[in-house]
Amino acid sequence: MIAYIRGRLAEKEPTYVVIETAGIGYNIRISLNTYDRLKDQKEEVRLATYLQVKEDSHTLFGFFDISEKKLFTQLISVNGVGANTAMVMLSSMEVKALKEAIVAEDVKTVQKIKGIGAKTAQRIILELKDKFIKEGLEAPAGGTTAKGSQVQEEALMALTTLGIPKATAEKSIATIIKKHGSDVTVEDIIKLALKN
């Protein structure tokens, strides 16, 4: 098992990177979340990795941090969820938002992810909810997770499209929600974030 790879970022695409180390270029599959977080990296990068060995292929998956890798391994442990589906899930939602949706038993939010049907969403929730609760993750009060996280994600996408760095946008959104409550709309978040 290859736990991590550290080396020079030789190539970067939304679905994979090539990291060169000791004269060898490793082709590593990544999620869009990892891709976004690699933007500020210069020459050397370090990715946590998971090696999937099949009869006809060896595929290396890379993750910017250990929490994303851990969620990936938990997702692929669910019957019917393969590595490709898990990567789509990690590309569609942030780790924390996905875990919160699962703990809140929010089938609709999980089902919105491409390739996830109602039965698969229910199976993921059934098999992973208790694990996440044991890790200390709680469902937010009032059950507003799905709507709240969806509003935050839409606002984040809009702000980054407008050229605001992701980290700055996330900080602004968190501050606005803390100040104005979770009922704030996407439009309000964008207006308030652009004023600051």
N, C-alpha and C. Protein backbone atom coordinates (compact mmCIF):
# COMPACT_ATOMS: atom_id res chain seq x y z
N MET A 1 0.84 -1.20 0.00
CA MET A 1 0.00 0.00 0.00
C MET A 1 0.88 1.25 0.00
N ILE A 2 0.59 2.17 -0.89
CA ILE A 2 1.33 3.43 -0.95
C ILE A 2 0.53 4.46 -0.15
N ALA A 3 1.05 4.90 0.98
CA ALA A 3 0.32 5.80 1.87
C ALA A 3 0.27 7.23 1.34
N TYR A 4 1.38 7.69 0.76
CA TYR A 4 1.40 9.03 0.17
C TYR A 4 2.53 9.14 -0.83
N ILE A 5 2.43 10.15 -1.68
CA ILE A 5 3.50 10.44 -2.64
C ILE A 5 3.84 11.92 -2.54
N ARG A 6 5.14 12.19 -2.44
CA ARG A 6 5.59 13.58 -2.42
C ARG A 6 6.56 13.76 -3.59
N GLY A 7 6.36 14.83 -4.33
CA GLY A 7 7.24 15.08 -5.46
C GLY A 7 6.83 16.32 -6.22
N ARG A 8 7.44 16.50 -7.38
CA ARG A 8 7.17 17.68 -8.21
C ARG A 8 5.89 17.47 -9.00
N LEU A 9 5.04 18.50 -9.01
CA LEU A 9 3.80 18.44 -9.78
C LEU A 9 4.14 18.69 -11.25
N ALA A 10 4.18 17.60 -12.02
CA ALA A 10 4.61 17.68 -13.43
C ALA A 10 3.45 18.02 -14.35
N GLU A 11 2.25 17.59 -13.97
CA GLU A 11 1.07 17.81 -14.82
C GLU A 11 -0.16 17.87 -13.93
N LYS A 12 -1.11 18.73 -14.29
CA LYS A 12 -2.32 18.84 -13.47
C LYS A 12 -3.54 19.04 -14.35
N GLU A 13 -4.49 18.16 -14.23
CA GLU A 13 -5.77 18.23 -14.94
C GLU A 13 -6.87 18.07 -13.90
N PRO A 14 -8.13 18.46 -14.21
CA PRO A 14 -9.21 18.35 -13.20
C PRO A 14 -9.42 16.94 -12.64
N THR A 15 -9.08 15.90 -13.41
CA THR A 15 -9.34 14.54 -12.93
C THR A 15 -8.08 13.78 -12.52
N TYR A 16 -6.91 14.30 -12.86
CA TYR A 16 -5.68 13.59 -12.48
C TYR A 16 -4.49 14.54 -12.42
N VAL A 17 -3.46 14.08 -11.73
CA VAL A 17 -2.18 14.79 -11.71
C VAL A 17 -1.07 13.79 -12.00
N VAL A 18 0.07 14.31 -12.44
CA VAL A 18 1.26 13.48 -12.55
C VAL A 18 2.28 14.07 -11.59
N ILE A 19 2.71 13.27 -10.63
CA ILE A 19 3.72 13.71 -9.67
C ILE A 19 5.01 12.94 -9.96
N GLU A 20 6.06 13.70 -10.18
CA GLU A 20 7.35 13.08 -10.46
C GLU A 20 8.17 13.00 -9.18
N THR A 21 8.62 11.80 -8.88
CA THR A 21 9.48 11.60 -7.72
C THR A 21 10.51 10.51 -8.05
N ALA A 22 11.75 10.76 -7.76
CA ALA A 22 12.85 9.83 -8.04
C ALA A 22 12.88 9.39 -9.51
N GLY A 23 12.56 10.34 -10.41
CA GLY A 23 12.61 10.05 -11.83
C GLY A 23 11.43 9.27 -12.39
N ILE A 24 10.42 9.03 -11.55
CA ILE A 24 9.22 8.30 -11.99
C ILE A 24 8.02 9.22 -11.90
N GLY A 25 7.19 9.23 -12.96
CA GLY A 25 5.97 10.04 -12.96
C GLY A 25 4.77 9.18 -12.60
N TYR A 26 4.13 9.50 -11.49
CA TYR A 26 2.95 8.74 -11.04
C TYR A 26 1.69 9.45 -11.50
N ASN A 27 0.85 8.72 -12.26
CA ASN A 27 -0.44 9.25 -12.69
C ASN A 27 -1.44 8.96 -11.58
N ILE A 28 -2.00 10.01 -10.98
CA ILE A 28 -2.85 9.86 -9.81
C ILE A 28 -4.21 10.50 -10.06
N ARG A 29 -5.28 9.71 -9.90
CA ARG A 29 -6.65 10.23 -10.05
C ARG A 29 -6.99 11.10 -8.86
N ILE A 30 -7.62 12.26 -9.10
CA ILE A 30 -7.98 13.17 -8.01
C ILE A 30 -9.42 13.66 -8.16
N SER A 31 -9.96 14.20 -7.07
CA SER A 31 -11.28 14.82 -7.09
C SER A 31 -11.12 16.30 -7.44
N LEU A 32 -12.23 16.94 -7.76
CA LEU A 32 -12.19 18.38 -8.06
C LEU A 32 -11.81 19.18 -6.82
N ASN A 33 -12.17 18.69 -5.64
CA ASN A 33 -11.78 19.37 -4.40
C ASN A 33 -10.27 19.40 -4.25
N THR A 34 -9.62 18.28 -4.53
CA THR A 34 -8.15 18.22 -4.47
C THR A 34 -7.55 19.12 -5.55
N TYR A 35 -8.14 19.08 -6.73
CA TYR A 35 -7.67 19.92 -7.85
C TYR A 35 -7.68 21.40 -7.45
N ASP A 36 -8.79 21.84 -6.85
CA ASP A 36 -8.91 23.24 -6.42
C ASP A 36 -7.86 23.60 -5.38
N ARG A 37 -7.62 22.69 -4.47
CA ARG A 37 -6.68 22.98 -3.38
C ARG A 37 -5.22 22.91 -3.82
N LEU A 38 -4.97 22.30 -4.96
CA LEU A 38 -3.61 22.24 -5.49
C LEU A 38 -3.22 23.50 -6.26
N LYS A 39 -4.18 24.39 -6.50
CA LYS A 39 -3.93 25.59 -7.30
C LYS A 39 -2.79 26.43 -6.75
N ASP A 40 -2.72 26.56 -5.43
CA ASP A 40 -1.72 27.42 -4.82
C ASP A 40 -0.38 26.72 -4.59
N GLN A 41 -0.34 25.44 -4.92
CA GLN A 41 0.91 24.69 -4.71
C GLN A 41 1.92 25.09 -5.78
N LYS A 42 3.18 25.11 -5.40
CA LYS A 42 4.24 25.44 -6.36
C LYS A 42 4.84 24.14 -6.89
N GLU A 43 6.10 23.95 -6.65
CA GLU A 43 6.80 22.81 -7.22
C GLU A 43 6.46 21.48 -6.55
N GLU A 44 6.68 21.39 -5.23
CA GLU A 44 6.53 20.09 -4.55
C GLU A 44 5.16 19.96 -3.89
N VAL A 45 4.55 18.80 -4.09
CA VAL A 45 3.25 18.51 -3.48
C VAL A 45 3.31 17.18 -2.76
N ARG A 46 2.37 16.99 -1.85
CA ARG A 46 2.26 15.72 -1.12
C ARG A 46 0.79 15.32 -1.11
N LEU A 47 0.49 14.16 -1.65
CA LEU A 47 -0.88 13.66 -1.67
C LEU A 47 -0.97 12.34 -0.92
N ALA A 48 -2.00 12.22 -0.06
CA ALA A 48 -2.32 10.93 0.53
C ALA A 48 -2.86 10.07 -0.61
N THR A 49 -2.55 8.79 -0.63
CA THR A 49 -2.95 7.97 -1.77
C THR A 49 -3.64 6.67 -1.35
N TYR A 50 -4.38 6.13 -2.31
CA TYR A 50 -5.04 4.83 -2.15
C TYR A 50 -4.81 4.07 -3.45
N LEU A 51 -4.24 2.89 -3.35
CA LEU A 51 -3.97 2.07 -4.54
C LEU A 51 -5.06 1.02 -4.70
N GLN A 52 -5.76 1.08 -5.83
CA GLN A 52 -6.79 0.09 -6.13
C GLN A 52 -6.20 -0.93 -7.10
N VAL A 53 -6.17 -2.18 -6.68
CA VAL A 53 -5.61 -3.23 -7.52
C VAL A 53 -6.75 -4.09 -8.06
N LYS A 54 -6.86 -4.13 -9.39
CA LYS A 54 -7.84 -4.99 -10.05
C LYS A 54 -7.09 -5.97 -10.94
N GLU A 55 -7.82 -6.93 -11.45
CA GLU A 55 -7.22 -7.94 -12.32
C GLU A 55 -6.55 -7.30 -13.53
N ASP A 56 -7.18 -6.28 -14.09
CA ASP A 56 -6.67 -5.68 -15.33
C ASP A 56 -6.04 -4.30 -15.16
N SER A 57 -5.99 -3.77 -13.92
CA SER A 57 -5.41 -2.43 -13.73
C SER A 57 -5.00 -2.15 -12.29
N HIS A 58 -4.08 -1.22 -12.16
CA HIS A 58 -3.67 -0.68 -10.86
C HIS A 58 -3.93 0.82 -10.96
N THR A 59 -4.81 1.36 -10.11
CA THR A 59 -5.15 2.78 -10.17
C THR A 59 -4.80 3.43 -8.85
N LEU A 60 -4.09 4.56 -8.96
CA LEU A 60 -3.69 5.31 -7.78
C LEU A 60 -4.60 6.52 -7.64
N PHE A 61 -5.24 6.65 -6.47
CA PHE A 61 -6.11 7.79 -6.19
C PHE A 61 -5.39 8.70 -5.19
N GLY A 62 -5.47 10.01 -5.42
CA GLY A 62 -4.78 10.96 -4.55
C GLY A 62 -5.72 11.93 -3.88
N PHE A 63 -5.37 12.33 -2.66
CA PHE A 63 -6.22 13.21 -1.86
C PHE A 63 -5.38 14.28 -1.20
N PHE A 64 -5.88 15.51 -1.21
CA PHE A 64 -5.12 16.62 -0.65
C PHE A 64 -4.90 16.44 0.85
N ASP A 65 -5.91 15.87 1.54
CA ASP A 65 -5.73 15.62 2.97
C ASP A 65 -6.30 14.26 3.38
N ILE A 66 -5.97 13.87 4.59
CA ILE A 66 -6.33 12.55 5.10
C ILE A 66 -7.85 12.40 5.27
N SER A 67 -8.57 13.49 5.59
CA SER A 67 -10.02 13.40 5.80
C SER A 67 -10.74 13.00 4.50
N GLU A 68 -10.24 13.50 3.37
CA GLU A 68 -10.85 13.14 2.08
C GLU A 68 -10.55 11.67 1.76
N LYS A 69 -9.33 11.24 2.04
CA LYS A 69 -8.96 9.83 1.79
C LYS A 69 -9.81 8.90 2.66
N LYS A 70 -9.99 9.28 3.92
CA LYS A 70 -10.77 8.44 4.84
C LYS A 70 -12.23 8.32 4.37
N LEU A 71 -12.81 9.45 3.92
CA LEU A 71 -14.19 9.41 3.42
C LEU A 71 -14.27 8.55 2.16
N PHE A 72 -13.27 8.64 1.29
CA PHE A 72 -13.22 7.82 0.08
C PHE A 72 -13.26 6.33 0.44
N THR A 73 -12.42 5.92 1.40
CA THR A 73 -12.38 4.50 1.79
C THR A 73 -13.70 4.06 2.45
N GLN A 74 -14.34 4.99 3.18
CA GLN A 74 -15.63 4.66 3.79
C GLN A 74 -16.71 4.51 2.71
N LEU A 75 -16.68 5.37 1.71
CA LEU A 75 -17.66 5.31 0.63
C LEU A 75 -17.52 4.02 -0.18
N ILE A 76 -16.29 3.63 -0.50
CA ILE A 76 -16.12 2.42 -1.32
C ILE A 76 -16.38 1.14 -0.52
N SER A 77 -16.49 1.28 0.81
CA SER A 77 -16.84 0.11 1.62
C SER A 77 -18.34 -0.20 1.53
N VAL A 78 -19.11 0.76 1.02
CA VAL A 78 -20.56 0.58 0.87
C VAL A 78 -20.82 -0.25 -0.38
N ASN A 79 -21.63 -1.29 -0.25
CA ASN A 79 -21.96 -2.15 -1.38
C ASN A 79 -22.60 -1.33 -2.50
N GLY A 80 -22.05 -1.45 -3.71
CA GLY A 80 -22.61 -0.73 -4.85
C GLY A 80 -21.94 0.60 -5.13
N VAL A 81 -21.00 1.01 -4.28
CA VAL A 81 -20.28 2.27 -4.51
C VAL A 81 -18.83 1.92 -4.86
N GLY A 82 -18.50 2.16 -6.12
CA GLY A 82 -17.14 1.90 -6.58
C GLY A 82 -16.25 3.13 -6.43
N ALA A 83 -14.99 2.97 -6.80
CA ALA A 83 -14.03 4.07 -6.68
C ALA A 83 -14.42 5.26 -7.54
N ASN A 84 -14.91 5.01 -8.76
CA ASN A 84 -15.30 6.12 -9.64
C ASN A 84 -16.48 6.90 -9.06
N THR A 85 -17.45 6.19 -8.52
CA THR A 85 -18.61 6.85 -7.91
C THR A 85 -18.17 7.67 -6.70
N ALA A 86 -17.28 7.09 -5.89
CA ALA A 86 -16.78 7.80 -4.70
C ALA A 86 -16.07 9.09 -5.11
N MET A 87 -15.29 9.04 -6.20
CA MET A 87 -14.59 10.24 -6.68
C MET A 87 -15.57 11.30 -7.18
N VAL A 88 -16.64 10.87 -7.82
CA VAL A 88 -17.68 11.81 -8.28
C VAL A 88 -18.32 12.48 -7.06
N MET A 89 -18.58 11.70 -6.02
CA MET A 89 -19.18 12.24 -4.80
C MET A 89 -18.25 13.27 -4.15
N LEU A 90 -16.95 12.95 -4.09
CA LEU A 90 -15.99 13.87 -3.49
C LEU A 90 -15.78 15.11 -4.35
N SER A 91 -16.03 14.98 -5.65
CA SER A 91 -15.92 16.13 -6.55
C SER A 91 -17.16 17.01 -6.48
N SER A 92 -18.29 16.42 -6.10
CA SER A 92 -19.56 17.15 -6.09
C SER A 92 -19.79 17.94 -4.81
N MET A 93 -19.25 17.45 -3.69
CA MET A 93 -19.48 18.11 -2.40
C MET A 93 -18.21 18.12 -1.56
N GLU A 94 -18.10 19.11 -0.70
CA GLU A 94 -16.99 19.16 0.26
C GLU A 94 -17.16 17.99 1.25
N VAL A 95 -16.08 17.53 1.82
CA VAL A 95 -16.11 16.40 2.76
C VAL A 95 -17.10 16.65 3.89
N LYS A 96 -17.00 17.82 4.53
CA LYS A 96 -17.86 18.14 5.68
C LYS A 96 -19.34 18.17 5.28
N ALA A 97 -19.65 18.80 4.14
CA ALA A 97 -21.05 18.90 3.69
C ALA A 97 -21.64 17.53 3.37
N LEU A 98 -20.83 16.67 2.75
CA LEU A 98 -21.30 15.33 2.41
C LEU A 98 -21.56 14.51 3.67
N LYS A 99 -20.65 14.60 4.64
CA LYS A 99 -20.84 13.88 5.90
C LYS A 99 -22.08 14.39 6.64
N GLU A 100 -22.27 15.71 6.65
CA GLU A 100 -23.43 16.30 7.33
C GLU A 100 -24.73 15.85 6.67
N ALA A 101 -24.75 15.77 5.35
CA ALA A 101 -25.95 15.31 4.64
C ALA A 101 -26.26 13.86 5.00
N ILE A 102 -25.23 13.04 5.14
CA ILE A 102 -25.41 11.63 5.49
C ILE A 102 -25.93 11.50 6.92
N VAL A 103 -25.34 12.25 7.85
CA VAL A 103 -25.77 12.20 9.26
C VAL A 103 -27.21 12.71 9.40
N ALA A 104 -27.58 13.72 8.61
CA ALA A 104 -28.93 14.28 8.66
C ALA A 104 -29.95 13.42 7.89
N GLU A 105 -29.46 12.30 7.33
CA GLU A 105 -30.30 11.40 6.52
C GLU A 105 -30.98 12.14 5.38
N ASP A 106 -30.24 13.01 4.74
CA ASP A 106 -30.75 13.84 3.66
C ASP A 106 -30.56 13.12 2.31
N VAL A 107 -31.50 12.23 2.02
CA VAL A 107 -31.43 11.41 0.81
C VAL A 107 -31.41 12.29 -0.44
N LYS A 108 -32.22 13.36 -0.46
CA LYS A 108 -32.31 14.22 -1.66
C LYS A 108 -30.97 14.84 -2.03
N THR A 109 -30.25 15.34 -1.03
CA THR A 109 -28.95 15.96 -1.32
C THR A 109 -27.96 14.93 -1.84
N VAL A 110 -27.90 13.76 -1.21
CA VAL A 110 -26.97 12.71 -1.65
C VAL A 110 -27.36 12.23 -3.04
N GLN A 111 -28.66 12.14 -3.30
CA GLN A 111 -29.16 11.65 -4.57
C GLN A 111 -28.91 12.63 -5.73
N LYS A 112 -28.70 13.89 -5.41
CA LYS A 112 -28.42 14.89 -6.46
C LYS A 112 -27.08 14.67 -7.13
N ILE A 113 -26.21 13.92 -6.48
CA ILE A 113 -24.89 13.64 -7.05
C ILE A 113 -25.06 12.70 -8.24
N LYS A 114 -24.38 13.02 -9.33
CA LYS A 114 -24.50 12.24 -10.56
C LYS A 114 -24.17 10.77 -10.32
N GLY A 115 -25.05 9.90 -10.78
CA GLY A 115 -24.81 8.46 -10.65
C GLY A 115 -25.32 7.84 -9.36
N ILE A 116 -25.89 8.66 -8.47
CA ILE A 116 -26.42 8.14 -7.21
C ILE A 116 -27.95 8.12 -7.26
N GLY A 117 -28.50 6.92 -7.21
CA GLY A 117 -29.95 6.78 -7.19
C GLY A 117 -30.46 6.76 -5.76
N ALA A 118 -31.78 6.69 -5.62
CA ALA A 118 -32.40 6.73 -4.30
C ALA A 118 -31.94 5.55 -3.42
N LYS A 119 -31.88 4.36 -4.00
CA LYS A 119 -31.49 3.17 -3.21
C LYS A 119 -30.04 3.27 -2.75
N THR A 120 -29.17 3.72 -3.64
CA THR A 120 -27.75 3.86 -3.27
C THR A 120 -27.58 4.92 -2.20
N ALA A 121 -28.30 6.03 -2.35
CA ALA A 121 -28.23 7.11 -1.35
C ALA A 121 -28.67 6.60 0.01
N GLN A 122 -29.76 5.83 0.04
CA GLN A 122 -30.26 5.27 1.30
C GLN A 122 -29.27 4.28 1.90
N ARG A 123 -28.63 3.48 1.04
CA ARG A 123 -27.65 2.49 1.52
C ARG A 123 -26.43 3.20 2.12
N ILE A 124 -25.97 4.25 1.46
CA ILE A 124 -24.82 5.03 1.96
C ILE A 124 -25.15 5.61 3.34
N ILE A 125 -26.34 6.18 3.46
CA ILE A 125 -26.77 6.78 4.74
C ILE A 125 -26.86 5.70 5.82
N LEU A 126 -27.49 4.60 5.48
CA LEU A 126 -27.68 3.50 6.43
C LEU A 126 -26.33 2.96 6.95
N GLU A 127 -25.37 2.78 6.04
CA GLU A 127 -24.10 2.17 6.42
C GLU A 127 -23.10 3.14 7.04
N LEU A 128 -23.20 4.44 6.72
CA LEU A 128 -22.17 5.38 7.20
C LEU A 128 -22.61 6.34 8.29
N LYS A 129 -23.91 6.53 8.45
CA LYS A 129 -24.39 7.51 9.43
C LYS A 129 -23.82 7.28 10.84
N ASP A 130 -23.95 6.05 11.34
CA ASP A 130 -23.49 5.74 12.69
C ASP A 130 -21.97 5.92 12.84
N LYS A 131 -21.23 5.59 11.78
CA LYS A 131 -19.77 5.76 11.82
C LYS A 131 -19.42 7.23 12.00
N PHE A 132 -20.12 8.11 11.28
CA PHE A 132 -19.83 9.54 11.37
C PHE A 132 -20.25 10.11 12.72
N ILE A 133 -21.34 9.59 13.27
CA ILE A 133 -21.79 10.04 14.60
C ILE A 133 -20.74 9.63 15.65
N LYS A 134 -20.20 8.41 15.52
CA LYS A 134 -19.15 7.95 16.44
C LYS A 134 -17.90 8.82 16.33
N GLU A 135 -17.65 9.37 15.13
CA GLU A 135 -16.49 10.25 14.93
C GLU A 135 -16.73 11.63 15.55
N GLY A 136 -17.96 11.84 16.04
CA GLY A 136 -18.25 13.12 16.70
C GLY A 136 -19.01 14.11 15.84
N LEU A 137 -19.44 13.68 14.65
CA LEU A 137 -20.19 14.58 13.78
C LEU A 137 -21.66 14.51 14.15
N GLU A 138 -22.26 15.67 14.34
CA GLU A 138 -23.68 15.73 14.70
C GLU A 138 -24.47 16.40 13.60
N ALA A 139 -25.74 16.02 13.51
CA ALA A 139 -26.62 16.69 12.56
C ALA A 139 -26.91 18.08 13.09
N PRO A 140 -26.84 19.11 12.25
CA PRO A 140 -27.12 20.46 12.72
C PRO A 140 -28.54 20.60 13.25
N ALA A 141 -28.72 21.49 14.21
CA ALA A 141 -30.04 21.71 14.82
C ALA A 141 -31.03 22.18 13.77
N GLY A 142 -32.26 21.71 13.92
CA GLY A 142 -33.33 22.15 13.02
C GLY A 142 -33.34 21.44 11.69
N GLY A 143 -32.40 20.54 11.46
CA GLY A 143 -32.36 19.77 10.23
C GLY A 143 -32.18 20.60 8.98
N THR A 144 -31.46 21.72 9.07
CA THR A 144 -31.31 22.60 7.91
C THR A 144 -30.05 22.30 7.11
N THR A 145 -29.44 21.17 7.38
CA THR A 145 -28.17 20.86 6.72
C THR A 145 -28.24 20.92 5.21
N ALA A 146 -29.20 20.20 4.64
CA ALA A 146 -29.25 20.08 3.20
C ALA A 146 -29.40 21.42 2.54
N LYS A 147 -30.42 22.15 2.98
CA LYS A 147 -30.67 23.46 2.40
C LYS A 147 -29.49 24.39 2.66
N GLY A 148 -29.02 24.40 3.90
CA GLY A 148 -27.91 25.28 4.28
C GLY A 148 -26.65 25.00 3.49
N SER A 149 -26.29 23.71 3.37
CA SER A 149 -25.07 23.38 2.65
C SER A 149 -25.22 23.65 1.15
N GLN A 150 -26.44 23.46 0.63
CA GLN A 150 -26.69 23.71 -0.79
C GLN A 150 -26.56 25.21 -1.09
N VAL A 151 -27.12 26.04 -0.22
CA VAL A 151 -27.03 27.50 -0.36
C VAL A 151 -25.56 27.92 -0.31
N GLN A 152 -24.82 27.37 0.65
CA GLN A 152 -23.39 27.70 0.79
C GLN A 152 -22.61 27.30 -0.45
N GLU A 153 -22.90 26.12 -0.98
CA GLU A 153 -22.17 25.64 -2.16
C GLU A 153 -22.48 26.49 -3.39
N GLU A 154 -23.76 26.86 -3.57
CA GLU A 154 -24.14 27.70 -4.71
C GLU A 154 -23.48 29.07 -4.61
N ALA A 155 -23.47 29.62 -3.40
CA ALA A 155 -22.85 30.93 -3.18
C ALA A 155 -21.34 30.85 -3.43
N LEU A 156 -20.72 29.77 -2.96
CA LEU A 156 -19.29 29.59 -3.15
C LEU A 156 -18.94 29.49 -4.63
N MET A 157 -19.74 28.72 -5.37
CA MET A 157 -19.51 28.56 -6.81
C MET A 157 -19.63 29.92 -7.52
N ALA A 158 -20.66 30.69 -7.15
CA ALA A 158 -20.88 31.99 -7.77
C ALA A 158 -19.73 32.95 -7.46
N LEU A 159 -19.29 32.98 -6.22
CA LEU A 159 -18.21 33.90 -5.82
C LEU A 159 -16.87 33.53 -6.47
N THR A 160 -16.59 32.23 -6.56
CA THR A 160 -15.33 31.83 -7.20
C THR A 160 -15.38 32.11 -8.70
N THR A 161 -16.57 31.98 -9.30
CA THR A 161 -16.74 32.32 -10.72
C THR A 161 -16.48 33.81 -10.95
N LEU A 162 -16.83 34.62 -9.95
CA LEU A 162 -16.61 36.06 -10.03
C LEU A 162 -15.15 36.45 -9.77
N GLY A 163 -14.31 35.45 -9.51
CA GLY A 163 -12.88 35.71 -9.35
C GLY A 163 -12.39 35.82 -7.92
N ILE A 164 -13.26 35.58 -6.95
CA ILE A 164 -12.84 35.64 -5.55
C ILE A 164 -12.17 34.31 -5.20
N PRO A 165 -10.98 34.34 -4.56
CA PRO A 165 -10.31 33.09 -4.19
C PRO A 165 -11.21 32.24 -3.29
N LYS A 166 -11.14 30.92 -3.46
CA LYS A 166 -12.02 29.99 -2.75
C LYS A 166 -11.94 30.16 -1.23
N ALA A 167 -10.73 30.25 -0.70
CA ALA A 167 -10.56 30.37 0.76
C ALA A 167 -11.21 31.65 1.29
N THR A 168 -11.05 32.75 0.55
CA THR A 168 -11.65 34.03 0.93
C THR A 168 -13.17 33.95 0.88
N ALA A 169 -13.69 33.33 -0.18
CA ALA A 169 -15.14 33.19 -0.34
C ALA A 169 -15.73 32.34 0.78
N GLU A 170 -15.07 31.23 1.12
CA GLU A 170 -15.55 30.34 2.20
C GLU A 170 -15.61 31.08 3.53
N LYS A 171 -14.57 31.88 3.79
CA LYS A 171 -14.51 32.65 5.04
C LYS A 171 -15.64 33.67 5.10
N SER A 172 -15.87 34.37 3.97
CA SER A 172 -16.95 35.37 3.90
C SER A 172 -18.32 34.73 4.12
N ILE A 173 -18.54 33.58 3.47
CA ILE A 173 -19.83 32.88 3.59
C ILE A 173 -20.07 32.46 5.05
N ALA A 174 -19.04 31.90 5.69
CA ALA A 174 -19.17 31.47 7.09
C ALA A 174 -19.50 32.65 8.00
N THR A 175 -18.83 33.79 7.77
CA THR A 175 -19.08 34.99 8.58
C THR A 175 -20.50 35.50 8.38
N ILE A 176 -20.95 35.53 7.12
CA ILE A 176 -22.31 36.02 6.79
C ILE A 176 -23.37 35.13 7.43
N ILE A 177 -23.20 33.82 7.35
CA ILE A 177 -24.19 32.89 7.93
C ILE A 177 -24.21 33.01 9.45
N LYS A 178 -23.03 33.19 10.04
CA LYS A 178 -22.96 33.34 11.49
C LYS A 178 -23.69 34.62 11.93
N LYS A 179 -23.54 35.68 11.14
CA LYS A 179 -24.12 36.97 11.49
C LYS A 179 -25.62 37.05 11.16
N HIS A 180 -26.01 36.52 10.01
CA HIS A 180 -27.40 36.67 9.52
C HIS A 180 -28.27 35.42 9.68
N GLY A 181 -27.69 34.31 10.14
CA GLY A 181 -28.47 33.08 10.32
C GLY A 181 -28.47 32.20 9.09
N SER A 182 -28.97 30.97 9.25
CA SER A 182 -28.92 29.98 8.16
C SER A 182 -30.02 30.16 7.12
N ASP A 183 -30.97 31.09 7.37
CA ASP A 183 -32.06 31.31 6.41
C ASP A 183 -31.69 32.28 5.29
N VAL A 184 -30.45 32.80 5.31
CA VAL A 184 -30.01 33.76 4.31
C VAL A 184 -29.98 33.10 2.92
N THR A 185 -30.36 33.85 1.88
CA THR A 185 -30.43 33.30 0.52
C THR A 185 -29.07 33.40 -0.18
N VAL A 186 -28.95 32.68 -1.28
CA VAL A 186 -27.72 32.72 -2.08
C VAL A 186 -27.44 34.14 -2.54
N GLU A 187 -28.50 34.82 -3.03
CA GLU A 187 -28.35 36.19 -3.52
C GLU A 187 -27.85 37.13 -2.42
N ASP A 188 -28.42 36.97 -1.21
CA ASP A 188 -28.00 37.82 -0.08
C ASP A 188 -26.53 37.57 0.26
N ILE A 189 -26.13 36.31 0.28
CA ILE A 189 -24.73 35.97 0.59
C ILE A 189 -23.79 36.62 -0.42
N ILE A 190 -24.14 36.51 -1.71
CA ILE A 190 -23.28 37.07 -2.76
C ILE A 190 -23.18 38.59 -2.62
N LYS A 191 -24.33 39.24 -2.41
CA LYS A 191 -24.34 40.71 -2.25
C LYS A 191 -23.49 41.15 -1.06
N LEU A 192 -23.69 40.47 0.08
CA LEU A 192 -22.96 40.84 1.29
C LEU A 192 -21.46 40.53 1.15
N ALA A 193 -21.13 39.44 0.49
CA ALA A 193 -19.71 39.07 0.32
C ALA A 193 -19.00 40.07 -0.59
N LEU A 194 -19.72 40.56 -1.62
CA LEU A 194 -19.12 41.51 -2.56
C LEU A 194 -18.96 42.90 -1.94
N LYS A 195 -19.77 43.21 -0.92
CA LYS A 195 -19.65 44.50 -0.24
C LYS A 195 -18.39 44.56 0.63
N ASN A 196 -18.00 43.41 1.18
CA ASN A 196 -16.84 43.37 2.09
C ASN A 196 -15.53 43.46 1.33
